[in-house]
Amino acid sequence: MKRVFAVARNTLREAIRDKVLYSILFFGVLVLGMSLVTEEITIGDQAKVVRSIAQGAIDLFAAIIAMFLGISLVWKELDRKTVYTVLSKPLPRWQFVVGKYLGLMATLVVEVGILLALYCALMTMHQEFPPPVVFVSMGLLIAELALLTAFATLFSAASSPVTAAAFTLSVFVIGHLADDIWVFGNQAQSPAMREVARVLYWALPNFEVFSIREEAVHHMPIPWGRLGSALAYGATYTSAVLLGAVMVFERKDIQ
């Protein structure tokens, strides 16, 4: 495992030096700050609107960073030929893939932590310190990012960044429309269409199982009953996708 963590540390260092990461993070911080402006122009419950926009910004920019860095995670090493140097050492390919994945996840945890700290500071100054449900929501966001990053790693190991970006973005969009697919399937007139929709619903990832933003925005009690199933779902699905990424990279011709 020392080799896996060595690859992870190197990946984290590379991500921290990536200027694009800071650009995306800057816009995330900017949107967080601008969310306070809406308090002056919003009609209704202004406090909840500000919290909704701010938490939505954290979710969105975290996903953008996960996709942007993930799609080039393995391909960049192949393009730079650095993978030859790494794999010339006694390092199995699966350790290389897992190490790169863990390094990117560490980057995402740091990024979410920074945005969450800023969110807490803004809320404390203008409203109140966030309740525990907000921190639980961010924990589930990490679980969602773990699954999204696993898909990005899989596509990065299998194809070029352009193709990987298209597939990863598709997974992200479909994952947030899974509940709509289920509703559409139940309302379809054709039995075949209903069956196809149900198969897609169960086969494709469902990122909505990780979302408790409504509870976090409205400062509702923590839905403990959903946490266990969401974390189990995320761990199982993420492990399966990451295993697929390892298998693809094991069979990849990099001579």
Protein backbone atom coordinates (compact mmCIF):
# COMPACT_ATOMS: atom_id res chain seq x y z
CA MET A 1 0.00 0.00 0.00
CA LYS A 2 2.99 2.32 0.39
CA ARG A 3 3.33 2.41 -3.39
CA VAL A 4 -0.38 3.26 -3.80
CA PHE A 5 -0.06 6.15 -1.35
CA ALA A 6 3.13 7.31 -3.05
CA VAL A 7 1.27 7.58 -6.37
CA ALA A 8 -1.63 9.29 -4.58
CA ARG A 9 0.67 11.90 -3.01
CA ASN A 10 2.29 12.62 -6.35
CA THR A 11 -1.14 13.00 -7.98
CA LEU A 12 -2.22 15.39 -5.22
CA ARG A 13 0.89 17.51 -5.74
CA GLU A 14 0.29 17.66 -9.50
CA ALA A 15 -3.34 18.69 -8.97
CA ILE A 16 -2.35 21.42 -6.51
CA ARG A 17 0.09 22.83 -9.08
CA ASP A 18 -2.57 22.76 -11.82
CA LYS A 19 -3.54 26.36 -12.65
CA VAL A 20 -6.87 25.26 -14.08
CA LEU A 21 -7.83 23.87 -10.66
CA TYR A 22 -7.34 27.30 -9.13
CA SER A 23 -9.36 28.91 -11.91
CA ILE A 24 -12.34 26.65 -11.27
CA LEU A 25 -11.95 27.03 -7.51
CA PHE A 26 -11.84 30.81 -7.93
CA PHE A 27 -15.17 30.82 -9.76
CA GLY A 28 -16.63 28.59 -7.06
CA VAL A 29 -15.55 31.05 -4.38
CA LEU A 30 -16.87 33.93 -6.50
CA VAL A 31 -20.31 32.35 -6.86
CA LEU A 32 -20.39 31.65 -3.13
CA GLY A 33 -19.75 35.32 -2.45
CA MET A 34 -22.23 36.47 -5.09
CA SER A 35 -24.93 34.33 -3.50
CA LEU A 36 -25.13 36.96 -0.78
CA VAL A 37 -26.08 39.55 -3.41
CA THR A 38 -29.27 37.62 -4.13
CA GLU A 39 -30.38 38.32 -0.58
CA GLU A 40 -30.99 41.92 -1.59
CA ILE A 41 -32.99 41.17 -4.74
CA THR A 42 -34.91 38.06 -3.70
CA ILE A 43 -38.56 38.09 -2.71
CA GLY A 44 -39.62 35.56 -0.10
CA ASP A 45 -37.42 33.60 2.24
CA GLN A 46 -34.13 35.26 1.34
CA ALA A 47 -32.01 33.26 3.76
CA LYS A 48 -33.03 29.93 2.23
CA VAL A 49 -32.42 31.21 -1.31
CA VAL A 50 -28.88 32.26 -0.37
CA ARG A 51 -28.18 28.87 1.23
CA SER A 52 -29.58 27.04 -1.79
CA ILE A 53 -27.43 28.96 -4.27
CA ALA A 54 -24.31 28.66 -2.14
CA GLN A 55 -24.67 24.93 -1.54
CA GLY A 56 -25.54 24.37 -5.19
CA ALA A 57 -22.34 26.19 -6.17
CA ILE A 58 -20.26 23.88 -3.97
CA ASP A 59 -21.89 20.80 -5.54
CA LEU A 60 -21.50 22.08 -9.11
CA PHE A 61 -17.91 23.25 -8.97
CA ALA A 62 -16.80 20.16 -7.07
CA ALA A 63 -18.30 18.03 -9.85
CA ILE A 64 -16.63 20.18 -12.53
CA ILE A 65 -13.23 19.74 -10.88
CA ALA A 66 -13.80 15.99 -10.54
CA MET A 67 -14.69 15.65 -14.21
CA PHE A 68 -12.01 18.01 -15.53
CA LEU A 69 -9.15 16.41 -13.62
CA GLY A 70 -10.53 12.89 -13.85
CA ILE A 71 -10.83 12.69 -17.64
CA SER A 72 -7.08 13.23 -18.06
CA LEU A 73 -6.02 11.32 -14.96
CA VAL A 74 -4.53 8.31 -16.76
CA TRP A 75 -4.32 9.63 -20.32
CA LYS A 76 -2.01 12.48 -19.26
CA GLU A 77 0.52 9.97 -17.96
CA LEU A 78 0.35 8.09 -21.24
CA ASP A 79 0.67 11.26 -23.32
CA ARG A 80 3.70 12.47 -21.37
CA LYS A 81 5.27 8.99 -21.46
CA THR A 82 5.77 9.22 -17.68
CA VAL A 83 3.80 6.01 -17.26
CA TYR A 84 6.72 4.07 -18.73
CA THR A 85 9.02 5.30 -15.98
CA VAL A 86 6.47 4.57 -13.27
CA LEU A 87 5.55 1.09 -14.48
CA SER A 88 9.20 0.18 -15.04
CA LYS A 89 9.42 0.03 -11.26
CA PRO A 90 7.94 -2.90 -9.29
CA LEU A 91 4.50 -1.27 -9.36
CA PRO A 92 1.50 -3.30 -10.54
CA ARG A 93 -0.87 -1.49 -12.86
CA TRP A 94 -3.77 -1.77 -10.44
CA GLN A 95 -1.78 0.08 -7.80
CA PHE A 96 -1.04 2.83 -10.30
CA VAL A 97 -4.75 3.30 -11.14
CA VAL A 98 -5.90 3.13 -7.53
CA GLY A 99 -3.15 5.53 -6.46
CA LYS A 100 -4.14 8.07 -9.13
CA TYR A 101 -7.77 7.75 -8.09
CA LEU A 102 -7.01 8.25 -4.39
CA GLY A 103 -4.83 11.27 -5.18
CA LEU A 104 -7.65 12.90 -7.11
CA MET A 105 -10.11 12.12 -4.31
CA ALA A 106 -7.75 13.76 -1.82
CA THR A 107 -7.74 16.84 -4.06
CA LEU A 108 -11.53 16.91 -4.11
CA VAL A 109 -11.76 16.55 -0.33
CA VAL A 110 -9.42 19.53 0.08
CA GLU A 111 -11.43 21.56 -2.45
CA VAL A 112 -14.77 20.77 -0.81
CA GLY A 113 -13.25 21.55 2.57
CA ILE A 114 -12.11 24.99 1.39
CA LEU A 115 -15.52 25.84 -0.09
CA LEU A 116 -17.31 24.50 3.00
CA ALA A 117 -15.10 26.59 5.29
CA LEU A 118 -15.92 29.70 3.25
CA TYR A 119 -19.62 28.81 3.30
CA CYS A 120 -19.54 28.46 7.09
CA ALA A 121 -17.78 31.81 7.42
CA LEU A 122 -20.31 33.58 5.19
CA MET A 123 -23.29 31.99 6.90
CA THR A 124 -21.92 32.80 10.36
CA MET A 125 -21.45 36.46 9.41
CA HIS A 126 -24.82 36.93 7.69
CA GLN A 127 -27.13 34.26 9.18
CA GLU A 128 -25.99 31.60 11.63
CA PHE A 129 -23.42 28.83 11.86
CA PRO A 130 -24.62 25.89 9.70
CA PRO A 131 -26.29 22.99 11.55
CA PRO A 132 -24.90 19.41 11.41
CA VAL A 133 -27.16 18.47 8.47
CA VAL A 134 -25.06 20.73 6.21
CA PHE A 135 -21.88 18.83 7.08
CA VAL A 136 -23.62 15.49 6.53
CA SER A 137 -24.75 16.78 3.14
CA MET A 138 -21.15 17.61 2.24
CA GLY A 139 -20.11 14.12 3.33
CA LEU A 140 -22.63 12.63 0.92
CA LEU A 141 -21.31 14.98 -1.76
CA ILE A 142 -17.88 13.38 -1.28
CA ALA A 143 -19.52 9.96 -1.78
CA GLU A 144 -21.11 11.22 -5.00
CA LEU A 145 -17.79 12.63 -6.20
CA ALA A 146 -16.14 9.29 -5.44
CA LEU A 147 -18.50 7.55 -7.86
CA LEU A 148 -18.21 10.29 -10.50
CA THR A 149 -14.41 10.21 -10.24
CA ALA A 150 -14.42 6.43 -10.62
CA PHE A 151 -16.30 6.81 -13.92
CA ALA A 152 -13.89 9.54 -15.04
CA THR A 153 -10.97 7.26 -14.22
CA LEU A 154 -12.55 4.39 -16.16
CA PHE A 155 -13.10 6.53 -19.27
CA SER A 156 -9.64 8.12 -18.94
CA ALA A 157 -8.05 4.66 -18.93
CA ALA A 158 -10.06 3.60 -21.98
CA SER A 159 -10.01 6.62 -24.30
CA SER A 160 -8.81 10.13 -25.08
CA PRO A 161 -9.80 13.15 -22.95
CA VAL A 162 -12.40 14.35 -25.47
CA THR A 163 -14.21 11.02 -25.52
CA ALA A 164 -13.77 10.60 -21.77
CA ALA A 165 -15.23 14.06 -21.19
CA ALA A 166 -18.30 13.26 -23.30
CA PHE A 167 -18.95 9.98 -21.49
CA THR A 168 -18.29 11.40 -18.02
CA LEU A 169 -20.56 14.38 -18.63
CA SER A 170 -23.25 12.02 -19.91
CA VAL A 171 -22.97 9.90 -16.76
CA PHE A 172 -23.20 13.04 -14.61
CA VAL A 173 -26.33 14.29 -16.38
CA ILE A 174 -28.02 10.89 -16.51
CA GLY A 175 -27.16 10.25 -12.88
CA HIS A 176 -29.09 13.35 -11.86
CA LEU A 177 -32.03 12.44 -14.12
CA ALA A 178 -32.40 8.89 -12.84
CA ASP A 179 -35.56 9.66 -10.87
CA ASP A 180 -37.08 11.32 -13.94
CA ILE A 181 -36.31 8.18 -15.96
CA TRP A 182 -38.20 6.15 -13.36
CA VAL A 183 -41.21 8.50 -13.50
CA PHE A 184 -41.15 8.49 -17.30
CA GLY A 185 -41.03 4.69 -17.35
CA ASN A 186 -44.04 4.37 -15.06
CA GLN A 187 -46.05 6.79 -17.19
CA ALA A 188 -45.12 5.28 -20.57
CA GLN A 189 -47.92 3.57 -22.48
CA SER A 190 -45.69 0.94 -24.07
CA PRO A 191 -44.79 -2.03 -21.83
CA ALA A 192 -41.47 -2.32 -23.66
CA MET A 193 -40.67 1.34 -22.97
CA ARG A 194 -41.54 0.89 -19.30
CA GLU A 195 -39.26 -2.12 -19.08
CA VAL A 196 -36.37 -0.29 -20.81
CA ALA A 197 -36.77 2.68 -18.46
CA ARG A 198 -36.70 0.43 -15.41
CA VAL A 199 -33.60 -1.41 -16.62
CA LEU A 200 -31.86 1.91 -17.25
CA TYR A 201 -32.91 3.18 -13.83
CA TRP A 202 -31.38 0.21 -12.01
CA ALA A 203 -28.32 -0.14 -14.25
CA LEU A 204 -27.22 3.50 -14.49
CA PRO A 205 -25.85 5.45 -11.52
CA ASN A 206 -28.31 7.49 -9.47
CA PHE A 207 -26.58 10.51 -7.97
CA GLU A 208 -29.79 11.74 -6.38
CA VAL A 209 -29.49 9.11 -3.64
CA PHE A 210 -26.61 11.18 -2.26
CA SER A 211 -28.55 14.44 -2.20
CA ILE A 212 -30.03 15.80 1.02
CA ARG A 213 -29.66 19.42 -0.09
CA GLU A 214 -33.30 20.17 0.65
CA GLU A 215 -32.79 19.17 4.27
CA ALA A 216 -29.53 21.13 4.41
CA VAL A 217 -31.02 24.29 2.88
CA HIS A 218 -34.08 24.25 5.14
CA HIS A 219 -32.07 23.21 8.23
CA MET A 220 -34.18 20.11 8.69
CA PRO A 221 -33.21 17.09 10.85
CA ILE A 222 -30.61 14.69 9.44
CA PRO A 223 -32.35 11.86 7.52
CA TRP A 224 -30.39 9.07 9.18
CA GLY A 225 -32.49 6.40 7.48
CA ARG A 226 -31.12 7.38 4.07
CA LEU A 227 -27.47 7.64 4.99
CA GLY A 228 -26.69 3.94 5.36
CA SER A 229 -28.28 2.90 2.08
CA ALA A 230 -26.70 5.84 0.22
CA LEU A 231 -23.20 5.07 1.51
CA ALA A 232 -23.59 1.34 0.82
CA TYR A 233 -24.84 2.08 -2.70
CA GLY A 234 -21.95 4.47 -3.32
CA ALA A 235 -19.28 2.13 -1.97
CA THR A 236 -20.55 -0.84 -3.99
CA TYR A 237 -21.01 1.03 -7.26
CA THR A 238 -17.73 2.94 -6.91
CA SER A 239 -15.79 -0.26 -6.21
CA ALA A 240 -17.32 -1.93 -9.27
CA VAL A 241 -16.51 0.98 -11.59
CA LEU A 242 -12.99 1.34 -10.21
CA LEU A 243 -12.47 -2.40 -10.72
CA GLY A 244 -13.55 -1.89 -14.32
CA ALA A 245 -10.98 0.90 -14.69
CA VAL A 246 -8.26 -1.40 -13.34
CA MET A 247 -9.26 -4.20 -15.73
CA VAL A 248 -9.24 -1.82 -18.71
CA PHE A 249 -5.80 -0.47 -17.82
CA GLU A 250 -4.45 -4.00 -17.22
CA ARG A 251 -5.38 -4.92 -20.79
CA LYS A 252 -4.25 -1.62 -22.32
CA ASP A 253 -1.31 -1.83 -24.72
CA ILE A 254 1.17 0.86 -23.60
CA GLN A 255 4.27 -0.51 -25.28
